[in-house]
Amino acid sequence: MTVVLKIGGARAVNPAGAVADVAELVAEGERVVVVHGGSTAVDDTLDQLGEEPEYVESPSGVVGRFTDERTMEVFEMVLPGKLNTDLTASLRAAGVDALGLSGVDGGLLTGPRKSAVRVVEDGKKKIRRGEHSGKIESVNADLLETLLDGGYTPVVTVPMLADDGVPVNADADRAAAAVAGALGAELVVLTDVPGVLADPEDDSTLIERAETPDELDSIESAAEGFMGKKVMAAKEALSGGASEVIVATANADSPVLAALDGSGTHILPAALETEATA
């Protein structure tokens, strides 16, 4: 079994339990790839530099970061720099032969760049240029397989490498989805809530499983805000070849082992099937 573990970057996410679980899985002979984000740390660094992070709204109502050249420089400092180094060091201290990589290294994550985005400002649709983000369309699975076969645990983060050779931002959940799909792996997405909740204000309304299109529709309807992107990433992972996606809390005892053992929200490939193909 190969497990791709996505550790969220929210302040409320404590990675310590996940690090211990990765060490246990690796000691048992499992292959693990860790993927992490760090948007919160990027915003904190921008604030320390006296700059405001900028978020824009798309015509479809999705709010996302606008990554200008300065913000991209901060991403390169914070994610493959401090955050990746710190997480890799924590894993190595736990006995894991961890090796840090960004999506640029070895052309690990590549795809087209979005140099302009459509946004809504003051009720008007506009084109914003100077965007430094992209869409991951290719994963260098051979590189990851070589490292895994050599006993290493890759620790992956963005940026990705755009097709014009420029490092650009990409969503870390979707990066994890692309990696899990390319490796045919089980994807565990750790976040700061128990999973997908029917009522985001009530932890007891956890949706435990989606095995049919109708059940997946229920999950998509319930997923609000940041969870919507995670469900989108889950669908991309499964359509790309992942064997299962689990969205679970990072803050439980043994969060990865608990997720693999049944906690959180489990989404299976059959949930993507349409009536025409069922």
Protein backbone atom coordinates (compact mmCIF):
# COMPACT_ATOMS: atom_id res chain seq x y z
CA MET A 1 0.00 0.00 0.00
CA THR A 2 1.11 3.55 -0.75
CA VAL A 3 -0.35 6.33 1.37
CA VAL A 4 -0.27 9.98 0.30
CA LEU A 5 -0.74 12.16 3.35
CA LYS A 6 -1.79 15.80 2.97
CA ILE A 7 -1.11 17.88 6.08
CA GLY A 8 -3.01 21.16 6.13
CA GLY A 9 -1.41 24.51 6.83
CA ALA A 10 -4.11 26.01 9.06
CA ARG A 11 -3.05 27.30 12.48
CA ALA A 12 -5.36 24.79 14.16
CA VAL A 13 -3.61 21.80 12.55
CA ASN A 14 -0.98 20.16 14.77
CA PRO A 15 1.32 17.93 12.69
CA ALA A 16 2.92 16.11 15.65
CA GLY A 17 0.48 13.18 15.66
CA ALA A 18 0.78 12.76 11.92
CA VAL A 19 4.58 12.69 12.13
CA ALA A 20 4.44 9.89 14.71
CA ASP A 21 1.98 7.94 12.54
CA VAL A 22 4.17 8.28 9.44
CA ALA A 23 7.08 6.92 11.45
CA GLU A 24 4.96 3.93 12.51
CA LEU A 25 3.70 3.23 8.99
CA VAL A 26 7.20 3.43 7.51
CA ALA A 27 8.57 1.16 10.25
CA GLU A 28 5.91 -1.38 9.23
CA GLY A 29 7.10 -1.25 5.63
CA GLU A 30 4.40 1.02 4.17
CA ARG A 31 5.30 3.56 1.49
CA VAL A 32 4.30 7.11 2.40
CA VAL A 33 4.46 10.42 0.53
CA VAL A 34 3.76 13.54 2.60
CA VAL A 35 2.36 16.65 0.89
CA HIS A 36 1.93 19.93 2.77
CA GLY A 37 0.65 23.43 2.20
CA GLY A 38 1.20 26.58 4.23
CA SER A 39 -1.03 29.40 3.05
CA THR A 40 -1.42 30.70 6.61
CA ALA A 41 2.34 31.00 7.04
CA VAL A 42 2.57 32.84 3.70
CA ASP A 43 -0.02 35.37 4.90
CA ASP A 44 1.83 35.78 8.21
CA THR A 45 5.11 36.42 6.38
CA LEU A 46 3.50 38.95 4.04
CA ASP A 47 2.11 40.70 7.12
CA GLN A 48 5.56 40.79 8.72
CA LEU A 49 6.88 42.36 5.53
CA GLY A 50 4.18 45.04 5.72
CA GLU A 51 2.22 43.68 2.76
CA GLU A 52 -1.39 42.57 2.47
CA PRO A 53 -2.30 39.19 0.98
CA GLU A 54 -4.83 39.66 -1.81
CA TYR A 55 -7.85 37.46 -2.35
CA VAL A 56 -10.16 37.74 -5.35
CA GLU A 57 -13.55 36.35 -6.27
CA SER A 58 -14.13 34.43 -9.50
CA PRO A 59 -17.28 34.89 -11.60
CA SER A 60 -18.54 31.59 -10.16
CA GLY A 61 -18.20 32.93 -6.63
CA VAL A 62 -15.05 31.04 -5.54
CA VAL A 63 -12.66 33.13 -3.46
CA GLY A 64 -8.96 32.44 -3.96
CA ARG A 65 -5.56 33.99 -3.58
CA PHE A 66 -4.16 36.33 -6.24
CA THR A 67 -0.48 35.42 -6.47
CA ASP A 68 1.48 38.38 -7.81
CA GLU A 69 5.25 38.34 -8.28
CA ARG A 70 5.99 39.50 -4.72
CA THR A 71 3.64 36.94 -3.19
CA MET A 72 5.27 34.25 -5.32
CA GLU A 73 8.67 35.20 -3.90
CA VAL A 74 7.27 34.75 -0.39
CA PHE A 75 5.79 31.36 -1.35
CA GLU A 76 9.21 30.21 -2.50
CA MET A 77 10.77 31.35 0.78
CA VAL A 78 8.15 29.92 3.10
CA LEU A 79 6.92 26.61 1.62
CA PRO A 80 9.94 24.84 0.11
CA GLY A 81 12.14 26.89 2.45
CA LYS A 82 11.12 27.00 6.10
CA LEU A 83 7.99 24.81 6.24
CA ASN A 84 9.34 21.94 4.14
CA THR A 85 12.67 22.01 5.96
CA ASP A 86 10.99 21.99 9.38
CA LEU A 87 8.61 19.14 8.52
CA THR A 88 11.38 17.08 6.93
CA ALA A 89 13.52 17.60 10.03
CA SER A 90 10.63 16.55 12.31
CA LEU A 91 10.13 13.35 10.32
CA ARG A 92 13.84 12.57 10.36
CA ALA A 93 13.92 13.12 14.12
CA ALA A 94 11.13 10.52 14.36
CA GLY A 95 13.27 7.99 12.49
CA VAL A 96 11.87 8.54 8.99
CA ASP A 97 14.33 8.84 6.10
CA ALA A 98 12.48 11.92 4.82
CA LEU A 99 13.57 13.90 1.77
CA GLY A 100 12.10 17.33 0.97
CA LEU A 101 11.04 18.28 -2.55
CA SER A 102 9.14 21.09 -4.20
CA GLY A 103 7.13 20.58 -7.35
CA VAL A 104 9.99 22.21 -9.25
CA ASP A 105 12.56 19.57 -8.24
CA GLY A 106 12.96 16.96 -10.96
CA GLY A 107 9.93 18.46 -12.72
CA LEU A 108 7.83 16.73 -10.07
CA LEU A 109 4.65 18.80 -10.62
CA THR A 110 4.19 20.47 -14.01
CA GLY A 111 1.45 22.02 -16.10
CA PRO A 112 0.20 25.20 -17.77
CA ARG A 113 0.47 28.61 -16.16
CA LYS A 114 -2.50 30.90 -15.59
CA SER A 115 -1.02 34.32 -16.37
CA ALA A 116 -4.42 36.00 -16.16
CA VAL A 117 -7.56 35.28 -14.16
CA ARG A 118 -11.18 36.38 -14.43
CA VAL A 119 -12.34 38.18 -11.30
CA VAL A 120 -15.32 40.14 -10.06
CA GLU A 121 -14.56 43.58 -8.58
CA ASP A 122 -17.29 46.01 -7.51
CA GLY A 123 -19.83 43.81 -9.27
CA LYS A 124 -17.97 43.95 -12.60
CA LYS A 125 -16.15 41.12 -14.35
CA LYS A 126 -12.52 41.92 -15.08
CA ILE A 127 -9.33 40.26 -16.31
CA ARG A 128 -6.41 40.46 -13.85
CA ARG A 129 -2.97 39.87 -15.31
CA GLY A 130 0.30 39.07 -13.54
CA GLU A 131 -1.04 35.92 -11.84
CA HIS A 132 1.63 33.39 -10.85
CA SER A 133 -0.35 30.17 -10.53
CA GLY A 134 -0.89 27.05 -12.57
CA LYS A 135 -2.77 23.80 -12.99
CA ILE A 136 -0.93 20.55 -12.29
CA GLU A 137 -1.34 18.23 -15.26
CA SER A 138 1.68 15.96 -14.88
CA VAL A 139 3.41 14.25 -11.94
CA ASN A 140 6.88 12.72 -12.23
CA ALA A 141 5.75 9.45 -10.66
CA ASP A 142 9.01 7.74 -11.69
CA LEU A 143 10.94 10.10 -9.40
CA LEU A 144 8.64 9.35 -6.46
CA GLU A 145 8.73 5.59 -7.15
CA THR A 146 12.54 5.68 -7.26
CA LEU A 147 12.70 7.45 -3.90
CA LEU A 148 10.10 5.16 -2.31
CA ASP A 149 11.87 2.06 -3.63
CA GLY A 150 15.08 3.43 -2.10
CA GLY A 151 13.47 3.67 1.33
CA TYR A 152 12.93 7.44 1.33
CA THR A 153 9.76 9.25 2.37
CA PRO A 154 9.26 12.22 0.00
CA VAL A 155 7.96 15.42 1.62
CA VAL A 156 6.39 17.43 -1.21
CA THR A 157 5.18 21.01 -1.44
CA VAL A 158 4.43 23.64 -4.06
CA PRO A 159 5.44 25.60 -6.13
CA MET A 160 4.93 23.65 -9.32
CA LEU A 161 6.89 24.23 -12.52
CA ALA A 162 4.86 25.90 -15.25
CA ASP A 163 5.27 24.96 -18.89
CA ASP A 164 7.16 28.21 -19.52
CA GLY A 165 9.81 27.11 -16.99
CA VAL A 166 8.66 29.49 -14.24
CA PRO A 167 7.83 28.32 -10.67
CA VAL A 168 4.19 29.17 -9.89
CA ASN A 169 1.73 28.60 -7.07
CA ALA A 170 -0.69 25.67 -7.02
CA ASP A 171 -3.27 24.44 -4.51
CA ALA A 172 -1.68 21.95 -2.10
CA ASP A 173 -4.83 19.80 -1.83
CA ARG A 174 -4.91 19.43 -5.59
CA ALA A 175 -1.16 18.73 -5.61
CA ALA A 176 -1.75 15.90 -3.14
CA ALA A 177 -4.62 14.67 -5.31
CA ALA A 178 -2.41 14.62 -8.40
CA VAL A 179 0.31 12.69 -6.56
CA ALA A 180 -2.17 10.16 -5.14
CA GLY A 181 -3.71 9.63 -8.56
CA ALA A 182 -0.33 9.15 -10.24
CA LEU A 183 0.72 6.56 -7.64
CA GLY A 184 -2.67 4.79 -7.39
CA ALA A 185 -2.45 5.53 -3.68
CA GLU A 186 -4.77 6.01 -0.74
CA LEU A 187 -5.07 9.75 -0.02
CA VAL A 188 -5.49 10.97 3.56
CA VAL A 189 -6.28 14.69 3.83
CA LEU A 190 -5.78 15.96 7.38
CA THR A 191 -7.50 19.18 8.35
CA ASP A 192 -8.85 20.94 11.46
CA VAL A 193 -12.34 19.38 11.43
CA PRO A 194 -13.46 15.71 11.77
CA GLY A 195 -14.29 15.39 8.06
CA VAL A 196 -17.13 16.61 5.85
CA LEU A 197 -19.99 17.72 8.10
CA ALA A 198 -23.64 17.94 7.04
CA ASP A 199 -23.82 20.92 9.42
CA PRO A 200 -20.45 22.72 9.54
CA GLU A 201 -21.28 23.94 13.06
CA ASP A 202 -21.96 20.46 14.45
CA ASP A 203 -19.19 17.84 14.63
CA SER A 204 -21.78 15.12 15.27
CA THR A 205 -23.09 15.45 11.69
CA LEU A 206 -20.02 13.81 10.12
CA ILE A 207 -20.73 12.19 6.75
CA GLU A 208 -18.79 8.96 7.11
CA ARG A 209 -18.83 7.49 3.61
CA ALA A 210 -19.59 8.10 -0.05
CA GLU A 211 -19.81 5.06 -2.32
CA THR A 212 -22.47 6.25 -4.77
CA PRO A 213 -22.97 9.37 -6.90
CA ASP A 214 -25.93 10.38 -4.71
CA GLU A 215 -23.81 10.13 -1.57
CA LEU A 216 -21.10 12.18 -3.25
CA ASP A 217 -23.71 14.79 -4.21
CA SER A 218 -24.63 15.02 -0.52
CA ILE A 219 -21.00 15.61 0.39
CA GLU A 220 -20.59 18.29 -2.29
CA SER A 221 -23.74 20.05 -1.09
CA ALA A 222 -22.49 20.02 2.51
CA ALA A 223 -18.92 21.14 1.75
CA GLU A 224 -18.63 24.87 2.39
CA GLY A 225 -15.66 27.21 2.06
CA PHE A 226 -12.27 25.52 2.24
CA MET A 227 -13.92 22.08 2.42
CA GLY A 228 -15.33 22.60 -1.09
CA LYS A 229 -11.78 22.67 -2.47
CA LYS A 230 -10.91 19.50 -0.57
CA VAL A 231 -13.89 17.65 -2.04
CA MET A 232 -12.93 18.91 -5.50
CA ALA A 233 -9.41 17.58 -4.90
CA ALA A 234 -10.87 14.26 -3.72
CA LYS A 235 -12.76 13.86 -7.00
CA GLU A 236 -9.61 14.71 -8.97
CA ALA A 237 -7.61 12.14 -7.00
CA LEU A 238 -10.13 9.36 -7.60
CA SER A 239 -10.56 10.17 -11.29
CA GLY A 240 -6.76 10.16 -11.60
CA GLY A 241 -6.42 6.68 -10.12
CA ALA A 242 -6.36 7.00 -6.31
CA SER A 243 -7.86 4.01 -4.51
CA GLU A 244 -9.66 6.01 -1.79
CA VAL A 245 -9.76 9.50 -0.28
CA ILE A 246 -10.19 10.12 3.44
CA VAL A 247 -10.80 13.59 4.90
CA ALA A 248 -10.15 13.57 8.65
CA THR A 249 -8.92 15.62 11.58
CA ALA A 250 -5.23 16.14 12.24
CA ASN A 251 -5.88 16.73 15.91
CA ALA A 252 -6.97 13.24 17.02
CA ASP A 253 -4.71 10.72 18.73
CA SER A 254 -2.88 8.87 15.92
CA PRO A 255 -4.81 10.81 13.23
CA VAL A 256 -3.44 8.98 10.18
CA LEU A 257 -3.85 5.51 11.68
CA ALA A 258 -7.35 6.43 12.87
CA ALA A 259 -8.30 7.67 9.39
CA LEU A 260 -6.99 4.52 7.74
CA ASP A 261 -8.94 2.52 10.34
CA GLY A 262 -12.26 4.18 9.51
CA SER A 263 -12.53 7.65 11.06
CA GLY A 264 -13.27 10.75 9.00
CA THR A 265 -15.10 10.90 5.66
CA HIS A 266 -14.23 8.12 3.20
CA ILE A 267 -14.87 8.71 -0.52
CA LEU A 268 -14.52 5.71 -2.86
CA PRO A 269 -14.04 5.52 -6.65
CA ALA A 270 -17.56 4.12 -7.14
CA ALA A 271 -18.92 7.50 -6.03
CA LEU A 272 -17.73 8.96 -9.34
CA GLU A 273 -19.71 6.50 -11.46
CA THR A 274 -22.67 7.91 -13.38
CA GLU A 275 -25.91 6.09 -14.01
CA ALA A 276 -24.82 5.60 -17.60
CA THR A 277 -21.69 3.73 -16.57
CA ALA A 278 -22.97 1.98 -13.46
